[in-house]
């Protein structure tokens, strides 16, 4: 039994189950938010974010130093969540952008794909990328779904 203060004796198996439930719900909310095409329900005014499935599939639940964590191995997830400023200091991966153009826009011709990719890269350099905040929205939905989650929802406003 873990003692969590003077007032609570908590069964460790129950705590483990609750933290599993919370982590898995957050994972589900992230994946749902990326896949949803209904901006009214998901809170995402941009529609579906995850066209190739790679971003959604890159998230998983792992235990790190005793904590249940939702992690991703996707190198561009931060750019989607937080956006990017305009300017030449953005490190764009042209191959990843070409794959995105192929999957999202369906442009399979190599020359046309490269042309569209460079136009998009130029626009990103000029305007940046708008933040999508899919993780922030997922945290808000998860905390609303889990009243047993000890979390200050105001931290994510």
Protein backbone atom coordinates (compact mmCIF):
# COMPACT_ATOMS: atom_id res chain seq x y z
CA UNK A 1 0.00 0.00 0.00
CA UNK A 2 1.26 3.43 -0.90
CA UNK A 3 0.70 6.22 1.58
CA UNK A 4 -0.18 9.40 -0.28
CA UNK A 5 -0.39 11.79 2.63
CA UNK A 6 -2.11 11.74 5.98
CA UNK A 7 -5.60 11.18 4.58
CA UNK A 8 -5.20 8.64 1.79
CA UNK A 9 -4.06 5.04 1.77
CA UNK A 10 -4.28 3.91 -1.84
CA UNK A 11 -4.09 0.41 -3.18
CA UNK A 12 -1.09 0.31 -5.55
CA UNK A 13 -2.90 -1.92 -8.04
CA UNK A 14 -5.78 0.55 -8.17
CA UNK A 15 -3.37 3.48 -8.69
CA UNK A 16 -1.68 1.54 -11.48
CA UNK A 17 -5.05 0.84 -13.11
CA UNK A 18 -6.09 4.49 -12.83
CA UNK A 19 -2.84 5.78 -14.32
CA UNK A 20 -3.15 3.22 -17.14
CA UNK A 21 -6.72 4.38 -17.79
CA UNK A 22 -5.69 8.04 -17.83
CA UNK A 23 -2.69 7.47 -20.13
CA UNK A 24 -4.71 5.29 -22.50
CA UNK A 25 -7.56 7.82 -22.56
CA UNK A 26 -5.12 10.62 -23.38
CA UNK A 27 -3.64 8.49 -26.17
CA UNK A 28 -7.13 7.82 -27.53
CA UNK A 29 -8.04 11.52 -27.33
CA UNK A 30 -4.86 12.52 -29.20
CA UNK A 31 -5.48 9.97 -31.93
CA UNK A 32 -9.17 10.86 -32.18
CA UNK A 33 -8.36 14.58 -32.40
CA UNK A 34 -5.91 13.95 -35.22
CA UNK A 35 -8.37 11.79 -37.17
CA UNK A 36 -11.58 13.74 -36.55
CA UNK A 37 -13.06 15.70 -39.43
CA UNK A 38 -15.69 17.32 -37.22
CA UNK A 39 -14.22 20.60 -36.00
CA UNK A 40 -17.27 21.33 -33.84
CA UNK A 41 -16.82 18.17 -31.79
CA UNK A 42 -13.01 17.90 -31.72
CA UNK A 43 -12.43 21.61 -31.15
CA UNK A 44 -10.12 21.59 -34.16
CA UNK A 45 -11.29 24.27 -36.59
CA UNK A 46 -8.90 22.99 -39.29
CA UNK A 47 -10.57 19.62 -39.85
CA UNK A 48 -8.61 16.40 -40.10
CA UNK A 49 -4.92 16.87 -39.23
CA UNK A 50 -3.60 13.34 -39.72
CA UNK A 51 -3.81 12.48 -43.42
CA UNK A 52 -1.14 9.79 -43.71
CA UNK A 53 -1.81 8.12 -40.35
CA UNK A 54 1.87 8.39 -39.43
CA UNK A 55 1.40 11.11 -36.81
CA UNK A 56 -1.45 9.34 -35.04
CA UNK A 57 0.32 5.98 -35.19
CA UNK A 58 3.51 7.48 -33.74
CA UNK A 59 1.95 8.03 -30.29
CA UNK A 60 2.09 5.33 -27.62
CA UNK A 61 1.96 4.86 -23.86
CA UNK A 62 5.27 4.04 -22.18
CA UNK A 63 6.39 3.85 -18.58
CA UNK A 64 9.36 6.15 -18.00
CA UNK A 65 11.01 6.19 -14.57
CA UNK A 66 7.81 4.92 -12.97
CA UNK A 67 5.49 7.38 -14.74
CA UNK A 68 2.96 6.49 -17.45
CA UNK A 69 3.67 8.80 -20.38
CA UNK A 70 2.18 9.36 -23.81
CA UNK A 71 5.14 9.70 -26.17
CA UNK A 72 5.76 10.08 -29.88
CA UNK A 73 8.70 9.26 -32.07
CA UNK A 74 7.49 11.57 -34.82
CA UNK A 75 9.95 14.40 -35.49
CA UNK A 76 7.31 16.85 -36.76
CA UNK A 77 4.65 16.44 -34.05
CA UNK A 78 5.90 19.56 -32.27
CA UNK A 79 5.58 21.62 -35.46
CA UNK A 80 1.96 20.47 -35.82
CA UNK A 81 1.14 21.13 -32.15
CA UNK A 82 2.90 24.48 -31.70
CA UNK A 83 3.30 25.71 -35.28
CA UNK A 84 6.39 27.50 -36.53
CA UNK A 85 7.28 31.12 -37.10
CA UNK A 86 7.93 32.43 -40.58
CA UNK A 87 11.52 32.71 -41.66
CA UNK A 88 14.52 30.88 -43.00
CA UNK A 89 15.51 29.42 -39.62
CA UNK A 90 12.99 26.59 -40.01
CA UNK A 91 14.65 23.24 -40.70
CA UNK A 92 12.28 21.72 -43.28
CA UNK A 93 12.77 18.13 -44.31
CA UNK A 94 11.94 18.20 -48.02
CA UNK A 95 11.59 14.40 -48.22
CA UNK A 96 9.01 14.38 -45.41
CA UNK A 97 7.19 17.29 -47.02
CA UNK A 98 7.18 15.46 -50.39
CA UNK A 99 5.66 12.40 -48.69
CA UNK A 100 3.01 14.63 -47.13
CA UNK A 101 2.20 16.14 -50.55
CA UNK A 102 1.95 12.63 -51.99
CA UNK A 103 -0.38 11.34 -49.25
CA UNK A 104 -2.46 14.43 -48.53
CA UNK A 105 -2.77 15.87 -52.01
CA UNK A 106 -2.39 12.63 -53.97
CA UNK A 107 0.26 14.09 -56.29
CA UNK A 108 2.15 11.06 -57.57
CA UNK A 109 3.98 12.54 -60.57
CA UNK A 110 7.57 13.20 -59.36
CA UNK A 111 8.03 16.54 -61.14
CA UNK A 112 4.64 17.89 -60.09
CA UNK A 113 5.16 16.60 -56.53
CA UNK A 114 8.52 18.35 -56.28
CA UNK A 115 7.07 21.58 -57.71
CA UNK A 116 4.17 21.59 -55.21
CA UNK A 117 6.53 20.64 -52.37
CA UNK A 118 8.77 23.64 -53.06
CA UNK A 119 5.76 25.97 -53.28
CA UNK A 120 4.56 24.73 -49.88
CA UNK A 121 8.08 25.05 -48.43
CA UNK A 122 8.25 28.64 -49.73
CA UNK A 123 4.87 29.41 -48.14
CA UNK A 124 5.99 27.90 -44.81
CA UNK A 125 9.14 30.03 -44.94
CA UNK A 126 7.04 33.12 -45.67
CA UNK A 127 4.08 32.54 -43.32
CA UNK A 128 5.08 29.76 -40.91
CA UNK A 129 2.75 26.97 -39.83
CA UNK A 130 -0.34 27.64 -37.72
CA UNK A 131 -0.44 25.73 -34.42
CA UNK A 132 -3.06 22.97 -34.32
CA UNK A 133 -2.93 22.36 -30.53
CA UNK A 134 -4.28 18.81 -30.87
CA UNK A 135 -2.48 17.68 -27.70
CA UNK A 136 -3.80 20.60 -25.67
CA UNK A 137 -7.34 19.81 -26.81
CA UNK A 138 -6.82 16.11 -26.05
CA UNK A 139 -5.70 16.94 -22.50
CA UNK A 140 -8.82 19.06 -21.99
CA UNK A 141 -11.09 16.28 -23.27
CA UNK A 142 -9.24 13.67 -21.21
CA UNK A 143 -9.53 15.65 -17.97
CA UNK A 144 -13.23 16.22 -18.64
CA UNK A 145 -13.68 12.45 -19.13
CA UNK A 146 -11.70 11.51 -16.01
CA UNK A 147 -12.94 13.32 -12.91
CA UNK A 148 -10.56 11.12 -10.88
CA UNK A 149 -7.62 12.71 -12.71
CA UNK A 150 -5.80 14.98 -10.29
CA UNK A 151 -4.92 17.68 -12.74
CA UNK A 152 -5.37 21.46 -12.89
CA UNK A 153 -7.22 21.92 -16.18
CA UNK A 154 -6.52 25.68 -16.01
CA UNK A 155 -2.88 24.90 -16.74
CA UNK A 156 -3.87 24.01 -20.30
CA UNK A 157 -5.99 27.06 -21.07
